[in-house]
Structures are given as structure tokens and as C-alpha cells.
Amino acid sequence: MEIDWPIDEHLRIRSFTPEDAKVLFGLVDANRDRLRPWMPWEPTTRGPADTRAFIEGARSSPVDSEANGLWVDDALAGAMGLTVNTLANAGEIGYWIGGAYEGRGIVTRAAERFLACAFEELGLHRIQLLAAVGNVRSRAVAERLGMREEGALREAERVHGGYHDLSVYGLLEDEWRARRP
């Protein structure tokens, strides 16, 4: 699914193209210390070729939309994606943001648009979000989105030589519709 969604006068969500590999790698590289504790892909992202391979692989999926940039005034601020399980009629949202853009509500506003797409355009029944128990900022996004914490998966993600417990958050279609104006 190709995305180009203006969110407001400053924020746009746009699917990455292979030509974005260098700028995406630059943002990852500049934020390694912030990403390393939480993102299992950080150590395998060693150069623009790795980000290009990710973009090309994500773009080849017939159902997922995993490789999208969060662009603020034409500068790349972070990334967000949606993985779809067609058999379960469900999806999972994931994201990260560069440190210079943290605390501005960018991820929350972008995630709201992904939820609208998931429930209103794709007709999904459930969206989940997984966040490391210790990743307080990411968990706060899930809570601002109205997602319900459903439990924890013990040592479910291997990151930087160790394992994280993951908090599972879920939002059902009827819950989404109930909170919409």
C-alpha cells in the first residue's frame, strides 16, 4: 500500500522509496544510542544498503505497509508501519522517532492516521502494539491512542544481548469507533 498522507501543515506520512535509503540510514545512525535498547534491527542496520534492502522488502509486501517516513517540514523525523495478518483480520503498528522530534505528539498523530486506515479503510478488527515494558515513552503512545494493556510477553524480544518483556496493547474496531466523534 502506497501512502502519502498529509496530517497537518507540518507533518506528512509518506511511504519510503529506495531513494530514501540514505536519509533513513542517516537518521538511524544519528539515533543509535536511543534505538539500541529497544530496536532489534539497530545492529544489523550498518549502511544505506541495509536500509534500502528493508525498504525494497517492505514495498514488495501485498498487504503490509511497514516502511513509511514521518516527515516534518520535508525532514525525516522517524518511521512507522503496519503489519497485517489477513487470516486474523488484525494488524500490528510499530514506530520510532528521532530524538530531535520527540515530545511533539508526532508519533501519536501519525498512529491515529494508521488506526483510521486500519479500521476504516482496511476493515481490520483488531490492532496491537508491542512495546518493551521499560520503554515508558512508547507505552504512553499506546495509552494516548486508547489502547488497552492486555498483558506481557516474557522475554519475548531479543535486543542488544538481552531480552525484553513486551507489553501487549490492543484496540478493537468497536472501541475505535466508540471514541471517534
Protein backbone atom coordinates (compact mmCIF):
# COMPACT_ATOMS: atom_id res chain seq x y z
CA MET A 1 0.00 0.00 0.00
CA GLU A 2 1.49 3.31 -1.09
CA ILE A 3 0.97 6.08 1.47
CA ASP A 4 1.09 9.84 1.15
CA TRP A 5 -0.99 11.32 3.95
CA PRO A 6 -0.77 14.97 5.00
CA ILE A 7 -1.55 15.08 8.73
CA ASP A 8 -1.27 18.83 9.26
CA GLU A 9 0.65 21.75 7.76
CA HIS A 10 3.97 20.34 9.06
CA LEU A 11 3.56 16.55 9.30
CA ARG A 12 3.24 14.13 6.38
CA ILE A 13 3.42 10.34 6.29
CA ARG A 14 4.90 9.06 3.07
CA SER A 15 5.98 5.59 2.02
CA PHE A 16 9.73 5.29 1.66
CA THR A 17 11.17 4.79 -1.80
CA PRO A 18 14.57 3.17 -2.39
CA GLU A 19 15.91 6.70 -2.97
CA ASP A 20 15.17 7.47 0.72
CA ALA A 21 17.67 4.84 1.92
CA LYS A 22 20.50 7.31 2.55
CA VAL A 23 18.40 9.78 4.55
CA LEU A 24 16.76 6.96 6.53
CA PHE A 25 20.13 5.43 7.34
CA GLY A 26 21.38 8.87 8.41
CA LEU A 27 18.52 9.23 10.90
CA VAL A 28 19.07 5.70 12.24
CA ASP A 29 22.80 6.32 12.56
CA ALA A 30 22.29 9.64 14.35
CA ASN A 31 19.91 7.97 16.84
CA ARG A 32 21.70 4.68 17.53
CA ASP A 33 22.06 5.31 21.25
CA ARG A 34 18.31 5.92 21.54
CA LEU A 35 17.34 2.98 19.32
CA ARG A 36 19.78 0.36 20.59
CA PRO A 37 17.95 -0.50 23.84
CA TRP A 38 14.62 -1.10 22.08
CA MET A 39 15.02 -1.97 18.40
CA PRO A 40 16.31 -5.44 17.49
CA TRP A 41 17.17 -4.28 13.95
CA GLU A 42 19.54 -1.50 15.05
CA PRO A 43 22.79 -3.53 14.99
CA THR A 44 22.02 -5.02 11.57
CA THR A 45 21.49 -1.58 10.01
CA ARG A 46 25.09 -0.92 9.04
CA GLY A 47 24.73 1.25 5.96
CA PRO A 48 22.37 2.71 3.34
CA ALA A 49 22.35 -0.66 1.55
CA ASP A 50 20.72 -2.23 4.62
CA THR A 51 18.03 0.44 4.75
CA ARG A 52 17.48 0.12 1.00
CA ALA A 53 17.01 -3.66 1.38
CA PHE A 54 14.47 -3.03 4.17
CA ILE A 55 12.56 -0.51 2.04
CA GLU A 56 12.52 -2.77 -1.02
CA GLY A 57 11.44 -5.78 1.02
CA ALA A 58 8.68 -3.85 2.75
CA ARG A 59 7.42 -2.39 -0.52
CA SER A 60 7.10 -5.90 -2.00
CA SER A 61 4.50 -7.00 0.56
CA PRO A 62 0.98 -7.17 -0.90
CA VAL A 63 -0.69 -6.43 2.47
CA ASP A 64 1.77 -4.76 4.87
CA SER A 65 2.75 -1.13 4.96
CA GLU A 66 5.88 -1.23 7.09
CA ALA A 67 8.21 1.33 5.50
CA ASN A 68 6.84 4.83 5.94
CA GLY A 69 8.56 8.03 6.89
CA LEU A 70 7.25 10.65 9.27
CA TRP A 71 8.26 13.86 7.51
CA VAL A 72 8.21 17.19 9.36
CA ASP A 73 8.60 20.16 7.03
CA ASP A 74 10.23 17.79 4.48
CA ALA A 75 12.78 16.49 7.01
CA LEU A 76 12.66 12.84 8.04
CA ALA A 77 11.70 12.61 11.73
CA GLY A 78 11.00 8.90 12.18
CA ALA A 79 9.26 5.86 10.77
CA MET A 80 6.01 3.96 11.24
CA GLY A 81 4.48 0.85 9.83
CA LEU A 82 1.54 -1.51 9.87
CA THR A 83 1.82 -5.28 9.52
CA VAL A 84 -1.42 -7.02 8.53
CA ASN A 85 -2.47 -10.58 9.32
CA THR A 86 -5.24 -11.20 6.80
CA LEU A 87 -6.32 -14.52 8.36
CA ALA A 88 -6.84 -12.91 11.75
CA ASN A 89 -8.19 -9.69 10.23
CA ALA A 90 -5.79 -7.87 12.51
CA GLY A 91 -2.67 -5.78 12.39
CA GLU A 92 0.25 -4.51 14.41
CA ILE A 93 1.59 -0.99 14.42
CA GLY A 94 5.21 -0.06 15.11
CA TYR A 95 7.19 3.17 15.13
CA TRP A 96 10.25 5.11 16.21
CA ILE A 97 11.16 8.79 16.25
CA GLY A 98 14.42 10.71 16.13
CA GLY A 99 15.43 12.39 19.37
CA ALA A 100 15.16 15.91 17.92
CA TYR A 101 11.45 15.29 17.25
CA GLU A 102 10.48 13.53 20.47
CA GLY A 103 7.79 15.05 22.66
CA ARG A 104 5.87 16.88 19.92
CA GLY A 105 2.99 14.41 19.51
CA ILE A 106 4.21 13.37 16.06
CA VAL A 107 4.02 9.63 16.72
CA THR A 108 0.59 9.87 18.32
CA ARG A 109 -0.87 11.91 15.44
CA ALA A 110 0.67 9.60 12.84
CA ALA A 111 -0.52 6.49 14.68
CA GLU A 112 -4.06 7.90 14.79
CA ARG A 113 -3.97 8.07 10.99
CA PHE A 114 -2.72 4.49 10.76
CA LEU A 115 -5.52 3.36 13.07
CA ALA A 116 -8.07 5.15 10.87
CA CYS A 117 -6.64 3.37 7.84
CA ALA A 118 -6.65 0.00 9.61
CA PHE A 119 -10.22 0.19 10.84
CA GLU A 120 -11.96 2.41 8.30
CA GLU A 121 -10.14 1.64 5.05
CA LEU A 122 -8.83 -1.90 5.53
CA GLY A 123 -11.71 -3.09 7.71
CA LEU A 124 -9.47 -4.74 10.29
CA HIS A 125 -10.99 -5.94 13.56
CA ARG A 126 -8.00 -5.52 15.90
CA ILE A 127 -4.74 -3.61 16.07
CA GLN A 128 -2.00 -4.42 18.54
CA LEU A 129 1.13 -2.63 19.61
CA LEU A 130 4.07 -4.26 21.37
CA ALA A 131 6.39 -2.14 23.50
CA ALA A 132 9.17 -3.14 25.85
CA VAL A 133 7.94 -2.93 29.43
CA GLY A 134 10.73 -0.45 30.18
CA ASN A 135 10.01 1.77 27.17
CA VAL A 136 7.81 4.23 29.02
CA ARG A 137 7.51 6.72 26.14
CA SER A 138 6.35 4.10 23.65
CA ARG A 139 3.86 2.67 26.11
CA ALA A 140 2.49 6.19 26.71
CA VAL A 141 1.74 6.47 22.98
CA ALA A 142 -0.33 3.27 23.15
CA GLU A 143 -2.26 4.64 26.11
CA ARG A 144 -2.89 8.01 24.40
CA LEU A 145 -4.29 6.06 21.44
CA GLY A 146 -6.86 4.45 23.75
CA MET A 147 -5.27 1.01 23.51
CA ARG A 148 -5.81 -1.39 26.37
CA GLU A 149 -2.85 -3.09 28.02
CA GLU A 150 -3.65 -6.78 27.74
CA GLY A 151 -0.63 -8.39 29.34
CA ALA A 152 3.06 -9.02 28.92
CA LEU A 153 5.08 -11.47 26.88
CA ARG A 154 8.02 -12.62 28.98
CA GLU A 155 11.47 -12.20 27.42
CA ALA A 156 9.81 -12.02 24.01
CA GLU A 157 12.26 -9.73 22.24
CA ARG A 158 16.00 -10.15 21.94
CA VAL A 159 17.73 -6.79 21.95
CA HIS A 160 21.36 -5.82 22.44
CA GLY A 161 22.48 -9.07 24.03
CA GLY A 162 19.50 -9.48 26.33
CA TYR A 163 15.77 -9.99 26.36
CA HIS A 164 12.87 -7.63 26.98
CA ASP A 165 9.45 -8.39 28.31
CA LEU A 166 6.90 -6.85 25.93
CA SER A 167 3.69 -5.13 26.97
CA VAL A 168 0.85 -6.05 24.63
CA TYR A 169 -1.66 -3.33 23.84
CA GLY A 170 -4.79 -3.90 21.79
CA LEU A 171 -7.58 -1.87 20.27
CA LEU A 172 -10.72 -3.37 18.73
CA GLU A 173 -12.71 -1.86 15.91
CA ASP A 174 -15.77 -1.16 18.10
CA GLU A 175 -13.56 0.54 20.71
CA TRP A 176 -12.04 2.69 17.94
CA ARG A 177 -15.47 3.68 16.64
CA ALA A 178 -16.77 4.44 20.15
CA ARG A 179 -14.03 7.02 20.74
CA ARG A 180 -14.43 8.73 17.34
CA PRO A 181 -16.52 11.92 17.22
